[in-house]
C-alpha atoms as a PDB file:
ATOM      1  CA  MET A   1      11.025 -13.120  -7.683  1.00  0.00           C
ATOM      2  CA  GLU A   2      14.784 -12.749  -8.202  1.00  0.00           C
ATOM      3  CA  TYR A   3      14.139  -9.929 -10.668  1.00  0.00           C
ATOM      4  CA  CYS A   4      11.980  -8.041  -8.148  1.00  0.00           C
ATOM      5  CA  LEU A   5      14.430  -8.667  -5.311  1.00  0.00           C
ATOM      6  CA  ALA A   6      16.790  -6.229  -7.020  1.00  0.00           C
ATOM      7  CA  GLU A   7      14.700  -3.581  -5.211  1.00  0.00           C
ATOM      8  CA  PRO A   8      12.965  -5.514  -2.415  1.00  0.00           C
ATOM      9  CA  ASN A   9      11.328  -2.594  -0.593  1.00  0.00           C
ATOM     10  CA  ILE A  10       9.948  -0.839  -3.667  1.00  0.00           C
ATOM     11  CA  ASN A  11       8.583  -4.249  -4.756  1.00  0.00           C
ATOM     12  CA  LEU A  12       7.158  -5.137  -1.374  1.00  0.00           C
ATOM     13  CA  PHE A  13       3.596  -5.498  -2.666  1.00  0.00           C
ATOM     14  CA  ILE A  14       4.586  -7.732  -5.583  1.00  0.00           C
ATOM     15  CA  LEU A  15       6.875  -9.915  -3.480  1.00  0.00           C
ATOM     16  CA  GLY A  16       4.408 -10.077  -0.603  1.00  0.00           C
ATOM     17  CA  ASP A  17       1.380 -10.892  -2.753  1.00  0.00           C
ATOM     18  CA  ILE A  18       3.170 -13.633  -4.687  1.00  0.00           C
ATOM     19  CA  GLY A  19       4.643 -15.010  -1.478  1.00  0.00           C
ATOM     20  CA  LYS A  20       1.226 -15.210   0.192  1.00  0.00           C
ATOM     21  CA  PHE A  21      -1.087 -16.083  -2.701  1.00  0.00           C
ATOM     22  CA  GLY A  22       1.117 -17.484  -5.458  1.00  0.00           C
ATOM     23  CA  PHE A  23      -0.468 -17.721  -8.903  1.00  0.00           C
ATOM     24  CA  ASP A  24      -3.690 -19.670  -8.335  1.00  0.00           C
ATOM     25  CA  HIS A  25      -6.309 -17.205  -7.077  1.00  0.00           C
ATOM     26  CA  GLU A  26      -9.112 -15.506  -9.001  1.00  0.00           C
ATOM     27  CA  PHE A  27      -8.253 -12.149  -7.410  1.00  0.00           C
ATOM     28  CA  GLN A  28      -4.570 -12.262  -8.401  1.00  0.00           C
ATOM     29  CA  GLU A  29      -2.741 -12.631 -11.708  1.00  0.00           C
ATOM     30  CA  VAL A  30       0.945 -12.223 -12.515  1.00  0.00           C
ATOM     31  CA  TRP A  31       2.629 -11.549 -15.849  1.00  0.00           C
ATOM     32  CA  ILE A  32       6.274 -11.188 -16.848  1.00  0.00           C
ATOM     33  CA  GLN A  33       7.393  -9.344 -19.961  1.00  0.00           C
ATOM     34  CA  THR A  34      10.473 -10.661 -21.740  1.00  0.00           C
ATOM     35  CA  ALA A  35      12.815  -9.599 -24.530  1.00  0.00           C
ATOM     36  CA  GLU A  36      15.548 -11.864 -25.882  1.00  0.00           C
ATOM     37  CA  GLU A  37      14.991 -14.359 -23.040  1.00  0.00           C
ATOM     38  CA  ARG A  38      15.451 -11.791 -20.292  1.00  0.00           C
ATOM     39  CA  ILE A  39      12.796 -10.225 -18.077  1.00  0.00           C
ATOM     40  CA  THR A  40      12.034  -6.577 -18.771  1.00  0.00           C
ATOM     41  CA  GLY A  41       9.102  -6.155 -16.392  1.00  0.00           C
ATOM     42  CA  VAL A  42       6.630  -7.700 -13.969  1.00  0.00           C
ATOM     43  CA  ILE A  43       2.902  -6.948 -13.635  1.00  0.00           C
ATOM     44  CA  LEU A  44       0.641  -8.121 -10.825  1.00  0.00           C
ATOM     45  CA  ARG A  45      -3.144  -7.706 -10.542  1.00  0.00           C
ATOM     46  CA  TYR A  46      -4.579  -7.826  -7.023  1.00  0.00           C
ATOM     47  CA  HIS A  47      -8.380  -7.414  -7.244  1.00  0.00           C
ATOM     48  CA  ASP A  48      -8.809  -4.116  -9.185  1.00  0.00           C
ATOM     49  CA  ASN A  49      -5.289  -2.875  -8.439  1.00  0.00           C
ATOM     50  CA  LEU A  50      -2.313  -3.276 -10.772  1.00  0.00           C
ATOM     51  CA  LEU A  51       1.377  -3.169  -9.809  1.00  0.00           C
ATOM     52  CA  VAL A  52       3.933  -2.565 -12.559  1.00  0.00           C
ATOM     53  CA  TYR A  53       7.715  -2.826 -12.206  1.00  0.00           C
ATOM     54  CA  SER A  54      10.694  -2.595 -14.559  1.00  0.00           C
ATOM     55  CA  LYS A  55      14.194  -2.737 -13.106  1.00  0.00           C
ATOM     56  CA  ASP A  56      16.024  -1.085 -16.004  1.00  0.00           C
ATOM     57  CA  LEU A  57      13.081   0.861 -17.456  1.00  0.00           C
ATOM     58  CA  ASP A  58      13.352  -1.193 -20.663  1.00  0.00           C
ATOM     59  CA  MET A  59       9.739  -2.339 -20.557  1.00  0.00           C
ATOM     60  CA  ASP A  60       7.496  -2.203 -23.624  1.00  0.00           C
ATOM     61  CA  PHE A  61       4.893   0.130 -22.130  1.00  0.00           C
ATOM     62  CA  GLY A  62       2.755  -0.079 -25.262  1.00  0.00           C
ATOM     63  CA  GLU A  63       2.309  -3.782 -24.552  1.00  0.00           C
ATOM     64  CA  VAL A  64       1.414  -2.971 -20.939  1.00  0.00           C
ATOM     65  CA  LYS A  65      -1.239  -0.519 -22.196  1.00  0.00           C
ATOM     66  CA  THR A  66      -2.669  -3.227 -24.469  1.00  0.00           C
ATOM     67  CA  LEU A  67      -2.985  -5.595 -21.500  1.00  0.00           C
ATOM     68  CA  LEU A  68      -4.462  -2.834 -19.343  1.00  0.00           C
ATOM     69  CA  ASP A  69      -7.219  -2.260 -21.895  1.00  0.00           C
ATOM     70  CA  THR A  70      -8.437  -5.844 -21.333  1.00  0.00           C
ATOM     71  CA  LEU A  71      -8.718  -5.446 -17.543  1.00  0.00           C
ATOM     72  CA  HIS A  72     -10.951  -3.505 -15.152  1.00  0.00           C
ATOM     73  CA  ILE A  73      -8.317  -1.677 -13.123  1.00  0.00           C
ATOM     74  CA  ARG A  74      -9.046   1.185 -10.718  1.00  0.00           C
ATOM     75  CA  ILE A  75      -5.543   1.833  -9.390  1.00  0.00           C
ATOM     76  CA  ILE A  76      -2.106   1.320 -10.982  1.00  0.00           C
ATOM     77  CA  SER A  77       0.923   1.884  -8.796  1.00  0.00           C
ATOM     78  CA  GLY A  78       4.654   1.404  -8.644  1.00  0.00           C
ATOM     79  CA  LYS A  79       8.054   3.053  -8.672  1.00  0.00           C
ATOM     80  CA  GLY A  80       7.809   6.657  -9.811  1.00  0.00           C
ATOM     81  CA  VAL A  81       9.995   6.449 -12.934  1.00  0.00           C
ATOM     82  CA  VAL A  82       8.036   3.413 -14.150  1.00  0.00           C
ATOM     83  CA  MET A  83       4.649   5.071 -13.602  1.00  0.00           C
ATOM     84  CA  ASP A  84       5.880   8.231 -15.332  1.00  0.00           C
ATOM     85  CA  GLN A  85       6.402   6.224 -18.526  1.00  0.00           C
ATOM     86  CA  LEU A  86       3.099   4.360 -18.292  1.00  0.00           C
ATOM     87  CA  HIS A  87       1.168   7.565 -17.614  1.00  0.00           C
ATOM     88  CA  LEU A  88       2.347   8.994 -20.928  1.00  0.00           C
ATOM     89  CA  LEU A  89       0.117   6.362 -22.570  1.00  0.00           C
ATOM     90  CA  THR A  90      -2.764   6.398 -20.074  1.00  0.00           C
ATOM     91  CA  ALA A  91      -3.231  10.078 -19.155  1.00  0.00           C
ATOM     92  CA  GLU A  92      -6.703  10.199 -20.697  1.00  0.00           C
ATOM     93  CA  GLN A  93      -7.891   7.326 -18.523  1.00  0.00           C
ATOM     94  CA  TYR A  94      -5.881   7.836 -15.303  1.00  0.00           C
ATOM     95  CA  THR A  95      -4.852  10.733 -13.099  1.00  0.00           C
ATOM     96  CA  LYS A  96      -1.355  10.744 -11.602  1.00  0.00           C
ATOM     97  CA  ARG A  97      -0.450  11.124  -7.914  1.00  0.00           C
ATOM     98  CA  ASP A  98       3.194  11.224  -6.859  1.00  0.00           C
ATOM     99  CA  MET A  99       4.053  10.150  -3.326  1.00  0.00           C
ATOM    100  CA  ILE A 100       7.171   9.938  -1.156  1.00  0.00           C
ATOM    101  CA  PHE A 101       8.512   6.441  -0.452  1.00  0.00           C
ATOM    102  CA  CYS A 102      10.100   6.196   3.011  1.00  0.00           C
ATOM    103  CA  GLU A 103      12.004   3.527   4.920  1.00  0.00           C
ATOM    104  CA  LEU A 104      12.498   3.208   8.675  1.00  0.00           C
ATOM    105  CA  ILE A 105      16.175   4.011   9.127  1.00  0.00           C
ATOM    106  CA  ASP A 106      16.375   4.738  12.876  1.00  0.00           C
ATOM    107  CA  PRO A 107      14.014   2.532  14.955  1.00  0.00           C
ATOM    108  CA  SER A 108      15.327   4.114  18.163  1.00  0.00           C
ATOM    109  CA  LYS A 109      13.132   7.138  17.406  1.00  0.00           C
ATOM    110  CA  LEU A 110       9.882   5.152  17.600  1.00  0.00           C
ATOM    111  CA  ALA A 111       7.514   5.986  20.467  1.00  0.00           C
ATOM    112  CA  GLU A 112       8.437   4.091  23.617  1.00  0.00           C
ATOM    113  CA  ASP A 113       4.871   3.954  24.939  1.00  0.00           C
ATOM    114  CA  THR A 114       2.564   1.860  22.756  1.00  0.00           C
ATOM    115  CA  GLY A 115       0.112   0.951  25.499  1.00  0.00           C
ATOM    116  CA  GLY A 116      -3.537   0.790  24.543  1.00  0.00           C
ATOM    117  CA  VAL A 117      -2.843  -0.417  21.006  1.00  0.00           C
ATOM    118  CA  THR A 118      -4.849  -3.520  20.072  1.00  0.00           C
ATOM    119  CA  ILE A 119      -4.231  -6.052  17.290  1.00  0.00           C
ATOM    120  CA  ALA A 120      -7.368  -6.398  15.165  1.00  0.00           C
ATOM    121  CA  GLU A 121      -9.217  -9.656  14.632  1.00  0.00           C
ATOM    122  CA  GLY A 122     -11.508 -10.590  11.772  1.00  0.00           C
ATOM    123  CA  SER A 123     -14.525  -9.258  13.669  1.00  0.00           C
ATOM    124  CA  ASP A 124     -12.965  -5.760  13.589  1.00  0.00           C
ATOM    125  CA  ALA A 125     -12.655  -5.655   9.793  1.00  0.00           C
ATOM    126  CA  MET A 126     -15.989  -3.950   9.078  1.00  0.00           C
ATOM    127  CA  GLU A 127     -15.403  -1.183  11.622  1.00  0.00           C
ATOM    128  CA  ILE A 128     -12.003  -0.510  10.075  1.00  0.00           C
ATOM    129  CA  ALA A 129     -13.504  -0.532   6.560  1.00  0.00           C
ATOM    130  CA  LYS A 130     -16.154   2.016   7.599  1.00  0.00           C
ATOM    131  CA  LEU A 131     -13.520   4.182   9.292  1.00  0.00           C
ATOM    132  CA  TYR A 132     -11.497   4.318   6.059  1.00  0.00           C
ATOM    133  CA  GLY A 133     -14.531   5.854   4.374  1.00  0.00           C
ATOM    134  CA  GLU A 134     -14.605   8.715   6.879  1.00  0.00           C
ATOM    135  CA  ILE A 135     -11.047   9.887   6.141  1.00  0.00           C
ATOM    136  CA  ASN A 136     -10.877  12.476   3.339  1.00  0.00           C
ATOM    137  CA  GLU A 137      -7.174  11.839   2.780  1.00  0.00           C
ATOM    138  CA  PHE A 138      -7.984   8.229   1.827  1.00  0.00           C
ATOM    139  CA  ALA A 139     -10.110   9.206  -1.179  1.00  0.00           C
ATOM    140  CA  GLY A 140      -8.770   7.347  -4.210  1.00  0.00           C
ATOM    141  CA  LEU A 141      -6.376   5.171  -2.208  1.00  0.00           C
ATOM    142  CA  TYR A 142      -8.943   2.553  -1.243  1.00  0.00           C
ATOM    143  CA  ALA A 143     -12.061   1.115  -2.873  1.00  0.00           C
ATOM    144  CA  SER A 144     -15.090   3.401  -2.581  1.00  0.00           C
ATOM    145  CA  GLU A 145     -17.397   0.466  -1.714  1.00  0.00           C
ATOM    146  CA  VAL A 146     -17.274  -0.471   1.976  1.00  0.00           C
ATOM    147  CA  GLU A 147     -17.954  -4.126   1.138  1.00  0.00           C
ATOM    148  CA  VAL A 148     -14.821  -4.272  -1.027  1.00  0.00           C
ATOM    149  CA  ARG A 149     -12.731  -2.608   1.684  1.00  0.00           C
ATOM    150  CA  HIS A 150     -14.123  -5.033   4.261  1.00  0.00           C
ATOM    151  CA  SER A 151     -13.304  -8.046   2.093  1.00  0.00           C
ATOM    152  CA  GLN A 152      -9.714  -6.911   1.538  1.00  0.00           C
ATOM    153  CA  ILE A 153      -9.122  -6.093   5.216  1.00  0.00           C
ATOM    154  CA  ALA A 154     -10.707  -9.335   6.428  1.00  0.00           C
ATOM    155  CA  ASN A 155      -8.668 -11.313   3.903  1.00  0.00           C
ATOM    156  CA  ARG A 156      -5.437  -9.592   5.022  1.00  0.00           C
ATOM    157  CA  ILE A 157      -6.106 -10.445   8.665  1.00  0.00           C
ATOM    158  CA  LYS A 158      -7.132 -14.031   7.917  1.00  0.00           C
ATOM    159  CA  SER A 159      -4.256 -14.776   5.536  1.00  0.00           C
ATOM    160  CA  GLY A 160      -1.575 -13.126   7.657  1.00  0.00           C
ATOM    161  CA  GLU A 161      -0.648 -10.840   4.767  1.00  0.00           C
ATOM    162  CA  GLY A 162      -0.454  -8.075   7.359  1.00  0.00           C
ATOM    163  CA  ILE A 163      -1.687  -6.949  10.761  1.00  0.00           C
ATOM    164  CA  HIS A 164      -4.099  -4.148  11.709  1.00  0.00           C
ATOM    165  CA  LEU A 165      -3.637  -2.267  14.984  1.00  0.00           C
ATOM    166  CA  PHE A 166      -5.934   0.316  16.490  1.00  0.00           C
ATOM    167  CA  ILE A 167      -6.726   2.460  19.517  1.00  0.00           C
ATOM    168  CA  LYS A 168     -10.259   2.738  20.883  1.00  0.00           C
ATOM    169  CA  GLN A 169     -11.793   5.314  23.182  1.00  0.00           C
ATOM    170  CA  ASP A 170     -15.343   5.233  24.546  1.00  0.00           C
ATOM    171  CA  GLY A 171     -15.975   2.124  22.463  1.00  0.00           C
ATOM    172  CA  LYS A 172     -15.022   3.923  19.228  1.00  0.00           C
ATOM    173  CA  MET A 173     -12.018   3.221  17.001  1.00  0.00           C
ATOM    174  CA  ILE A 174     -10.104   6.511  16.818  1.00  0.00           C
ATOM    175  CA  SER A 175      -6.643   5.685  15.446  1.00  0.00           C
ATOM    176  CA  HIS A 176      -5.351   2.909  13.188  1.00  0.00           C
ATOM    177  CA  ALA A 177      -2.411   1.649  11.138  1.00  0.00           C
ATOM    178  CA  ASN A 178      -1.623  -1.649   9.480  1.00  0.00           C
ATOM    179  CA  SER A 179       1.124  -3.579   7.761  1.00  0.00           C
ATOM    180  CA  ALA A 180       0.543  -5.075   4.318  1.00  0.00           C
ATOM    181  CA  ALA A 181       2.277  -7.217   1.712  1.00  0.00           C
ATOM    182  CA  GLU A 182       4.688  -8.583   4.279  1.00  0.00           C
ATOM    183  CA  THR A 183       7.681 -10.536   3.017  1.00  0.00           C
ATOM    184  CA  ASP A 184      10.246 -12.482   5.000  1.00  0.00           C
ATOM    185  CA  VAL A 185      12.254  -9.313   5.572  1.00  0.00           C
ATOM    186  CA  SER A 186       9.930  -6.298   5.479  1.00  0.00           C
ATOM    187  CA  GLY A 187       6.400  -4.896   5.559  1.00  0.00           C
ATOM    188  CA  MET A 188       4.582  -1.840   4.203  1.00  0.00           C
ATOM    189  CA  ILE A 189       2.850   0.469   6.692  1.00  0.00           C
ATOM    190  CA  GLY A 190      -0.522   1.765   5.507  1.00  0.00           C
ATOM    191  CA  GLY A 191      -4.001   2.747   6.612  1.00  0.00           C
ATOM    192  CA  ILE A 192      -2.575   5.397   8.944  1.00  0.00           C
ATOM    193  CA  LEU A 193      -5.393   7.490  10.352  1.00  0.00           C
ATOM    194  CA  THR A 194      -6.706   9.320  13.370  1.00  0.00           C
ATOM    195  CA  VAL A 195     -10.298  10.570  13.578  1.00  0.00           C
ATOM    196  CA  SER A 196     -10.224  14.374  13.179  1.00  0.00           C
ATOM    197  CA  GLU A 197     -11.370  15.304  16.685  1.00  0.00           C
ATOM    198  CA  TYR A 198      -8.644  13.124  18.238  1.00  0.00           C
ATOM    199  CA  ARG A 199      -5.703  14.408  16.210  1.00  0.00           C
ATOM    200  CA  ASN A 200      -2.614  16.158  17.586  1.00  0.00           C
ATOM    201  CA  ARG A 201      -2.495  13.861  20.625  1.00  0.00           C
ATOM    202  CA  GLY A 202       0.328  11.593  19.505  1.00  0.00           C
ATOM    203  CA  LEU A 203      -2.008   8.695  18.675  1.00  0.00           C
ATOM    204  CA  ALA A 204      -0.765   8.190  15.105  1.00  0.00           C
ATOM    205  CA  GLY A 205       2.837   8.057  16.293  1.00  0.00           C
ATOM    206  CA  LYS A 206       1.895   5.504  18.915  1.00  0.00           C
ATOM    207  CA  VAL A 207       0.051   3.161  16.547  1.00  0.00           C
ATOM    208  CA  ILE A 208       2.682   3.484  13.778  1.00  0.00           C
ATOM    209  CA  SER A 209       5.386   2.680  16.330  1.00  0.00           C
ATOM    210  CA  ALA A 210       3.405  -0.347  17.493  1.00  0.00           C
ATOM    211  CA  VAL A 211       3.201  -1.712  13.934  1.00  0.00           C
ATOM    212  CA  CYS A 212       6.928  -1.096  13.348  1.00  0.00           C
ATOM    213  CA  LYS A 213       7.853  -2.805  16.633  1.00  0.00           C
ATOM    214  CA  ASN A 214       5.615  -5.763  15.775  1.00  0.00           C
ATOM    215  CA  LEU A 215       7.440  -6.110  12.448  1.00  0.00           C
ATOM    216  CA  ALA A 216      10.850  -5.744  14.114  1.00  0.00           C
ATOM    217  CA  HIS A 217       9.935  -8.419  16.659  1.00  0.00           C
ATOM    218  CA  ARG A 218       9.419 -10.729  13.694  1.00  0.00           C
ATOM    219  CA  GLY A 219      12.719  -9.695  12.090  1.00  0.00           C
ATOM    220  CA  LYS A 220      11.233  -7.332   9.488  1.00  0.00           C
ATOM    221  CA  SER A 221      11.942  -3.737   8.491  1.00  0.00           C
ATOM    222  CA  ALA A 222       9.234  -1.137   7.768  1.00  0.00           C
ATOM    223  CA  CYS A 223       8.517   1.229   4.895  1.00  0.00           C
ATOM    224  CA  LEU A 224       5.623   3.449   3.777  1.00  0.00           C
ATOM    225  CA  PHE A 225       4.582   6.023   1.186  1.00  0.00           C
ATOM    226  CA  HIS A 226       2.651   9.276   1.573  1.00  0.00           C
ATOM    227  CA  ASP A 227       1.977  12.694   0.037  1.00  0.00           C
ATOM    228  CA  ASN A 228       0.872  14.512   3.173  1.00  0.00           C
ATOM    229  CA  PRO A 229       3.247  17.417   4.021  1.00  0.00           C
ATOM    230  CA  LYS A 230       1.804  17.594   7.547  1.00  0.00           C
ATOM    231  CA  ALA A 231       2.679  13.937   8.124  1.00  0.00           C
ATOM    232  CA  ASP A 232       6.220  14.275   6.815  1.00  0.00           C
ATOM    233  CA  GLY A 233       7.464  15.719  10.087  1.00  0.00           C
ATOM    234  CA  LEU A 234       5.845  12.884  12.033  1.00  0.00           C
ATOM    235  CA  PHE A 235       7.509  10.190   9.934  1.00  0.00           C
ATOM    236  CA  THR A 236      10.878  11.940  10.211  1.00  0.00           C
ATOM    237  CA  ARG A 237      10.537  12.149  14.000  1.00  0.00           C
ATOM    238  CA  LEU A 238       9.747   8.409  14.088  1.00  0.00           C
ATOM    239  CA  GLY A 239      12.959   7.568  12.206  1.00  0.00           C
ATOM    240  CA  PHE A 240      11.736   7.292   8.594  1.00  0.00           C
ATOM    241  CA  ARG A 241      13.686   8.738   5.650  1.00  0.00           C
ATOM    242  CA  ALA A 242      12.615   9.364   2.031  1.00  0.00           C
ATOM    243  CA  THR A 243      14.430   7.002  -0.333  1.00  0.00           C
ATOM    244  CA  ASN A 244      12.352   6.959  -3.544  1.00  0.00           C
ATOM    245  CA  LYS A 245       9.171   8.107  -5.307  1.00  0.00           C
ATOM    246  CA  TRP A 246       5.971   6.031  -5.378  1.00  0.00           C
ATOM    247  CA  THR A 247       3.299   6.926  -7.925  1.00  0.00           C
ATOM    248  CA  ILE A 248      -0.387   6.024  -8.114  1.00  0.00           C
ATOM    249  CA  LEU A 249      -2.485   6.244 -11.278  1.00  0.00           C
ATOM    250  CA  GLU A 250      -6.211   6.425 -10.486  1.00  0.00           C
ATOM    251  CA  LYS A 251      -9.035   5.778 -12.975  1.00  0.00           C
ATOM    252  CA  ARG A 252     -10.749   9.012 -13.906  1.00  0.00           C
ATOM    253  CA  MET A 253     -14.353   9.338 -12.699  1.00  0.00           C
ATOM    254  CA  ASN A 254     -15.695   9.617 -16.270  1.00  0.00           C
ATOM    255  CA  GLN A 255     -14.046   6.333 -17.258  1.00  0.00           C
ATOM    256  CA  PRO A 256     -15.628   2.843 -16.868  1.00  0.00           C
ATOM    257  CA  GLY A 257     -14.660   1.549 -13.449  1.00  0.00           C
ATOM    258  CA  GLY A 258     -13.685   5.004 -12.209  1.00  0.00           C
ATOM    259  CA  SER A 259     -14.050   5.892  -8.547  1.00  0.00           C
ATOM    260  CA  SER A 260     -16.880   8.134  -7.392  1.00  0.00           C
ATOM    261  CA  SER A 261     -15.275   8.815  -3.992  1.00  0.00           C
END
């Protein structure tokens, strides 16, 4: 944990998952890599997702590849420079997607009006999971099976790992965002969406602001990652600033365990 706290925001998922679930769950495993009695890297498996981190980029990536070959992993993600090295050894099995890592620097720019935003309960998890499947931009970021998405969302709500907020109109969920992997000091914003016919109405800004304000009320900062040029202006207007690169490696469709979405 001390090793990962060297970069607490970039390691939000690792710190949050260990903080919430520890080391004794079938869906989560944690490894450390060492050399001469010092840590050179940390790896965490959460369901079929793998997080890899090396503070000084002195990790033995060949050893990481050997471990990866024993697991059924759909998504590998982490700090850009770390993923760049791992992808050199896994390019045949995984595609590479670079994203912008942003942190909320100026909360005063958040939307003042967050009325109509509702905090999700466990009973809302399936509707959220189905909504994810309707968003083209989410392809490859979330499990293709709705049951898997539902399980992960329901577990997040139940465990307090994060909160889901949404806006409904005419009984239909039309905009959504959530926090995830919350630590004592910060939370990752994800699942940002607005149904296509309701876009360009300021709904995304409202629900993102509501999540950020919820985190701030609990003494936590907010960060997120994206690769959507259209959304970049929105995040900038809301007070976010790019501070790093986040990279996702996704299993190729022709590989065992690859996504078909």
